[in-house]
N, C-alpha and C. Protein backbone atom coordinates (compact mmCIF):
# COMPACT_ATOMS: atom_id res chain seq x y z
N MET A 1 49.29 132.26 130.54
CA MET A 1 50.20 132.39 131.19
C MET A 1 50.13 130.61 130.14
N THR A 2 52.12 130.58 130.26
CA THR A 2 52.78 129.79 129.81
C THR A 2 53.08 128.53 131.09
N ALA A 3 53.27 127.07 129.96
CA ALA A 3 54.05 125.74 130.46
C ALA A 3 54.74 126.43 132.13
N ASP A 4 56.20 127.57 131.49
CA ASP A 4 57.48 127.58 131.96
C ASP A 4 56.86 128.48 132.95
N THR A 5 55.58 129.41 133.06
CA THR A 5 54.93 130.59 134.52
C THR A 5 54.44 129.17 134.87
N LEU A 6 53.66 128.44 134.57
CA LEU A 6 52.89 127.59 135.54
C LEU A 6 53.89 126.41 136.25
N HIS A 7 54.74 126.01 135.67
CA HIS A 7 55.81 125.45 136.60
C HIS A 7 56.90 125.96 138.03
N ARG A 8 56.76 127.87 137.03
CA ARG A 8 58.24 128.28 138.37
C ARG A 8 57.19 128.54 139.81
N LYS A 9 55.71 128.95 139.25
CA LYS A 9 55.19 128.78 140.14
C LYS A 9 54.81 127.62 141.26
N LEU A 10 54.86 126.21 141.03
CA LEU A 10 55.09 125.42 141.75
C LEU A 10 55.97 124.98 141.69
N GLU A 11 57.64 124.86 141.67
CA GLU A 11 58.67 125.35 142.04
C GLU A 11 58.59 126.03 143.35
N ARG A 12 58.31 126.42 143.68
CA ARG A 12 57.89 127.36 145.17
C ARG A 12 57.62 126.77 145.52
N LEU A 13 56.87 125.09 145.76
CA LEU A 13 56.20 124.92 146.71
C LEU A 13 56.92 123.56 147.27
N ILE A 14 58.15 123.40 146.48
CA ILE A 14 58.45 122.07 146.10
C ILE A 14 59.32 121.89 147.81
N GLY A 15 58.58 120.78 148.56
CA GLY A 15 58.72 120.21 150.04
C GLY A 15 57.43 120.69 150.57
N HIS A 16 56.50 121.46 149.79
CA HIS A 16 54.63 121.95 150.52
C HIS A 16 54.57 120.39 150.68
N ARG A 17 53.86 119.84 151.97
CA ARG A 17 52.65 119.53 152.04
C ARG A 17 51.06 119.67 151.77
N PHE A 18 50.27 118.54 151.15
CA PHE A 18 49.39 118.52 150.40
C PHE A 18 48.42 117.76 150.80
N ASP A 19 46.66 117.85 151.05
CA ASP A 19 46.18 116.95 151.23
C ASP A 19 45.70 116.54 149.57
N TYR A 20 45.37 115.11 149.31
CA TYR A 20 45.31 114.94 148.05
C TYR A 20 44.83 113.87 148.60
N LEU A 21 43.44 113.13 147.61
CA LEU A 21 42.87 112.13 147.46
C LEU A 21 42.88 111.59 148.95
N GLY A 22 42.45 111.92 150.08
CA GLY A 22 42.20 111.69 151.38
C GLY A 22 43.79 111.22 152.07
N GLU A 23 45.06 112.03 151.82
CA GLU A 23 46.02 111.68 152.89
C GLU A 23 47.22 112.32 151.79
N VAL A 24 47.71 113.15 153.24
CA VAL A 24 48.93 114.19 153.09
C VAL A 24 50.42 113.56 152.03
N TRP A 25 50.13 114.94 150.83
CA TRP A 25 51.77 114.11 149.71
C TRP A 25 52.30 115.33 149.83
N ILE A 26 53.68 115.19 149.79
CA ILE A 26 54.78 116.13 149.45
C ILE A 26 55.50 116.65 147.87
N LEU A 27 55.33 117.09 147.77
CA LEU A 27 56.12 117.89 146.78
C LEU A 27 57.31 117.93 146.39
N VAL A 28 57.80 116.95 145.29
CA VAL A 28 59.62 116.51 145.98
C VAL A 28 60.12 116.49 144.08
N GLU A 29 59.60 116.91 143.35
CA GLU A 29 59.77 117.12 142.20
C GLU A 29 59.23 118.07 140.50
N VAL A 30 59.28 118.76 140.14
CA VAL A 30 58.58 119.59 139.34
C VAL A 30 59.19 119.34 137.16
N LEU A 31 58.57 118.72 137.25
CA LEU A 31 58.85 117.93 135.26
C LEU A 31 58.79 118.22 134.37
N GLY A 32 59.66 119.89 133.68
CA GLY A 32 59.34 120.62 133.12
C GLY A 32 59.12 120.37 131.58
N ASP A 33 59.75 118.91 131.37
CA ASP A 33 59.64 118.25 129.83
C ASP A 33 58.76 117.76 129.93
N ILE A 34 58.36 116.55 130.77
CA ILE A 34 56.74 115.92 130.90
C ILE A 34 55.64 117.26 130.41
N ASP A 35 55.48 117.83 131.22
CA ASP A 35 54.60 118.88 132.11
C ASP A 35 54.51 117.69 133.26
N SER A 36 54.79 118.36 134.51
CA SER A 36 54.21 117.11 135.68
C SER A 36 55.04 116.79 136.41
N ILE A 37 54.16 116.94 137.76
CA ILE A 37 54.99 117.08 139.29
C ILE A 37 54.69 115.67 139.82
N VAL A 38 56.04 115.59 140.78
CA VAL A 38 55.83 114.30 141.54
C VAL A 38 55.82 114.86 143.32
N LEU A 39 54.00 114.10 143.03
CA LEU A 39 54.05 113.85 144.71
C LEU A 39 54.61 112.23 145.53
N GLN A 40 54.90 112.83 146.44
CA GLN A 40 55.92 111.90 147.86
C GLN A 40 54.57 111.47 148.60
N ARG A 41 54.89 110.28 148.97
CA ARG A 41 53.43 110.12 150.54
C ARG A 41 53.98 110.24 151.07
N CYS A 42 53.47 111.53 152.67
CA CYS A 42 54.34 112.14 153.40
C CYS A 42 54.81 110.22 154.32
N LYS A 43 55.88 110.37 154.37
CA LYS A 43 56.55 108.66 155.49
C LYS A 43 56.35 109.33 156.59
N ASP A 44 56.53 109.82 157.09
CA ASP A 44 55.89 111.28 158.47
C ASP A 44 54.38 111.24 158.68
N CYS A 45 53.67 110.83 157.86
CA CYS A 45 52.09 111.19 158.44
C CYS A 45 50.71 109.89 158.49
N ALA A 46 51.69 109.26 157.93
CA ALA A 46 51.61 107.33 157.22
C ALA A 46 52.26 105.94 157.06
N PRO A 47 51.94 105.36 157.62
CA PRO A 47 52.55 103.78 157.76
C PRO A 47 53.17 104.41 156.16
N TYR A 48 54.43 103.18 155.94
CA TYR A 48 54.77 102.86 154.52
C TYR A 48 54.39 102.06 154.07
N ASN A 49 54.09 101.99 152.55
CA ASN A 49 53.17 100.12 152.63
C ASN A 49 54.22 98.88 152.39
N VAL A 50 54.39 97.99 152.58
CA VAL A 50 55.04 97.28 152.48
C VAL A 50 55.00 97.15 150.60
N GLN A 51 56.13 96.08 150.40
CA GLN A 51 56.82 95.67 148.49
C GLN A 51 56.89 94.35 148.37
N GLN A 52 56.42 93.73 147.69
CA GLN A 52 56.43 92.54 147.83
C GLN A 52 57.26 92.47 146.23
N ASN A 53 58.14 90.90 146.56
CA ASN A 53 58.69 90.71 145.85
C ASN A 53 58.21 89.90 144.39
N ALA A 54 58.66 89.11 143.29
CA ALA A 54 57.74 88.56 142.67
C ALA A 54 57.25 87.99 142.85
N PHE A 55 58.42 87.12 143.84
CA PHE A 55 57.69 85.71 144.88
C PHE A 55 55.63 86.15 144.88
N GLY A 56 55.55 87.95 145.59
CA GLY A 56 54.12 88.18 146.51
C GLY A 56 55.12 87.99 147.65
N MET A 57 56.36 87.78 148.63
CA MET A 57 56.51 87.95 149.70
C MET A 57 57.13 89.83 149.96
N PRO A 58 56.66 89.99 150.85
CA PRO A 58 57.23 91.10 151.32
C PRO A 58 58.48 91.42 151.93
N ASN A 59 59.90 92.55 151.26
CA ASN A 59 60.94 92.54 150.96
C ASN A 59 61.48 93.81 151.27
N ARG A 60 60.64 94.95 152.01
CA ARG A 60 61.52 95.71 151.66
C ARG A 60 59.50 97.30 151.78
N ARG A 61 60.34 97.74 152.85
CA ARG A 61 58.93 99.11 152.70
C ARG A 61 59.58 100.09 151.59
N ALA A 62 58.67 100.56 150.86
CA ALA A 62 58.90 101.79 149.45
C ALA A 62 58.01 102.76 150.26
N GLN A 63 58.42 103.52 149.59
CA GLN A 63 57.81 104.65 149.92
C GLN A 63 56.85 105.08 148.26
N ASP A 64 55.35 105.58 148.15
CA ASP A 64 54.38 105.98 146.97
C ASP A 64 54.70 107.20 146.28
N THR A 65 55.30 107.03 145.67
CA THR A 65 54.79 108.57 144.75
C THR A 65 53.93 108.23 143.65
N LEU A 66 53.71 110.02 142.86
CA LEU A 66 51.95 110.03 141.96
C LEU A 66 52.79 110.93 141.22
N THR A 67 52.47 111.02 140.19
CA THR A 67 53.11 111.99 138.71
C THR A 67 51.67 112.87 137.90
N LEU A 68 51.18 113.94 138.09
CA LEU A 68 50.03 114.40 137.56
C LEU A 68 50.50 115.93 137.10
N ALA A 69 49.77 115.39 135.71
CA ALA A 69 49.89 116.56 134.64
C ALA A 69 49.94 117.76 135.09
N VAL A 70 50.36 119.25 135.24
CA VAL A 70 50.69 120.36 135.23
C VAL A 70 49.30 121.33 134.55
N SER A 71 49.33 121.10 133.53
CA SER A 71 49.03 121.86 132.56
C SER A 71 47.49 120.96 132.15
N ASP A 72 46.59 122.02 132.03
CA ASP A 72 45.47 121.59 131.20
C ASP A 72 45.71 121.56 128.87
N LYS A 73 44.46 120.42 128.94
CA LYS A 73 45.06 120.31 127.61
C LYS A 73 45.00 121.40 126.62
N THR A 74 44.74 122.39 127.16
CA THR A 74 45.52 124.37 126.22
C THR A 74 46.70 124.78 126.70
N GLU A 75 47.97 123.90 128.03
CA GLU A 75 48.24 124.63 128.30
C GLU A 75 48.99 125.84 128.61
N ASP A 76 47.49 126.24 129.06
CA ASP A 76 47.97 127.95 129.57
C ASP A 76 46.84 128.07 130.93
N THR A 77 46.60 126.79 131.70
CA THR A 77 46.28 126.97 132.80
C THR A 77 46.27 125.56 133.31
N TYR A 78 45.79 125.59 134.91
CA TYR A 78 46.75 124.37 136.02
C TYR A 78 45.44 123.19 135.49
N SER A 79 45.95 121.89 135.10
CA SER A 79 44.93 121.33 134.77
C SER A 79 44.06 121.21 136.39
N GLN A 80 42.98 120.31 136.11
CA GLN A 80 42.19 120.05 137.43
C GLN A 80 42.45 119.25 138.36
N ASP A 81 43.84 119.05 138.31
CA ASP A 81 43.85 118.09 139.94
C ASP A 81 45.51 118.53 140.15
N ILE A 82 45.36 119.42 139.75
CA ILE A 82 46.67 120.63 140.17
C ILE A 82 45.73 121.24 140.97
N LEU A 83 44.35 122.23 140.38
CA LEU A 83 43.67 122.77 141.27
C LEU A 83 43.46 122.20 142.87
N VAL A 84 42.56 120.80 142.18
CA VAL A 84 42.48 119.70 143.37
C VAL A 84 43.92 120.43 144.69
N LEU A 85 44.74 119.82 144.02
CA LEU A 85 46.16 119.35 144.52
C LEU A 85 46.35 121.18 145.81
N LEU A 86 45.68 122.10 145.13
CA LEU A 86 45.79 123.09 145.46
C LEU A 86 45.26 124.23 146.60
N GLU A 87 44.23 123.19 146.72
CA GLU A 87 43.50 123.47 147.29
C GLU A 87 43.59 122.63 148.87
N GLY A 88 44.17 121.66 148.91
CA GLY A 88 44.60 120.76 150.09
C GLY A 88 45.85 121.14 150.51
N HIS A 89 46.13 122.58 150.27
CA HIS A 89 47.66 122.97 150.37
C HIS A 89 47.83 123.77 151.92
N HIS A 90 48.70 122.88 152.74
CA HIS A 90 49.90 122.79 153.92
C HIS A 90 50.18 124.47 154.17
N SER A 91 48.94 125.08 154.68
CA SER A 91 50.28 126.14 155.40
C SER A 91 50.84 125.77 156.33
N ASN A 92 52.19 126.24 156.16
CA ASN A 92 53.79 126.31 157.30
C ASN A 92 53.61 127.26 157.86
């Protein structure tokens, strides 16, 4: 499989929820140019984190995001992180 094929398959899952690293994440973007996906912590499933300013004072709530590589080193199969993520896919 080529990297483009891997990306197209993941694009169908944009907006879906996944259990990953003990939390619920939503796939929000597939970045083909850097062979990555972007996950956002589910705001309805867990509380927001409070972002601190340069002085360490909380000033607004920020959503967490996480970027994972799509392909393994050979670029013909999914990376181990993606395989673990797909195991936690929520059926809608």
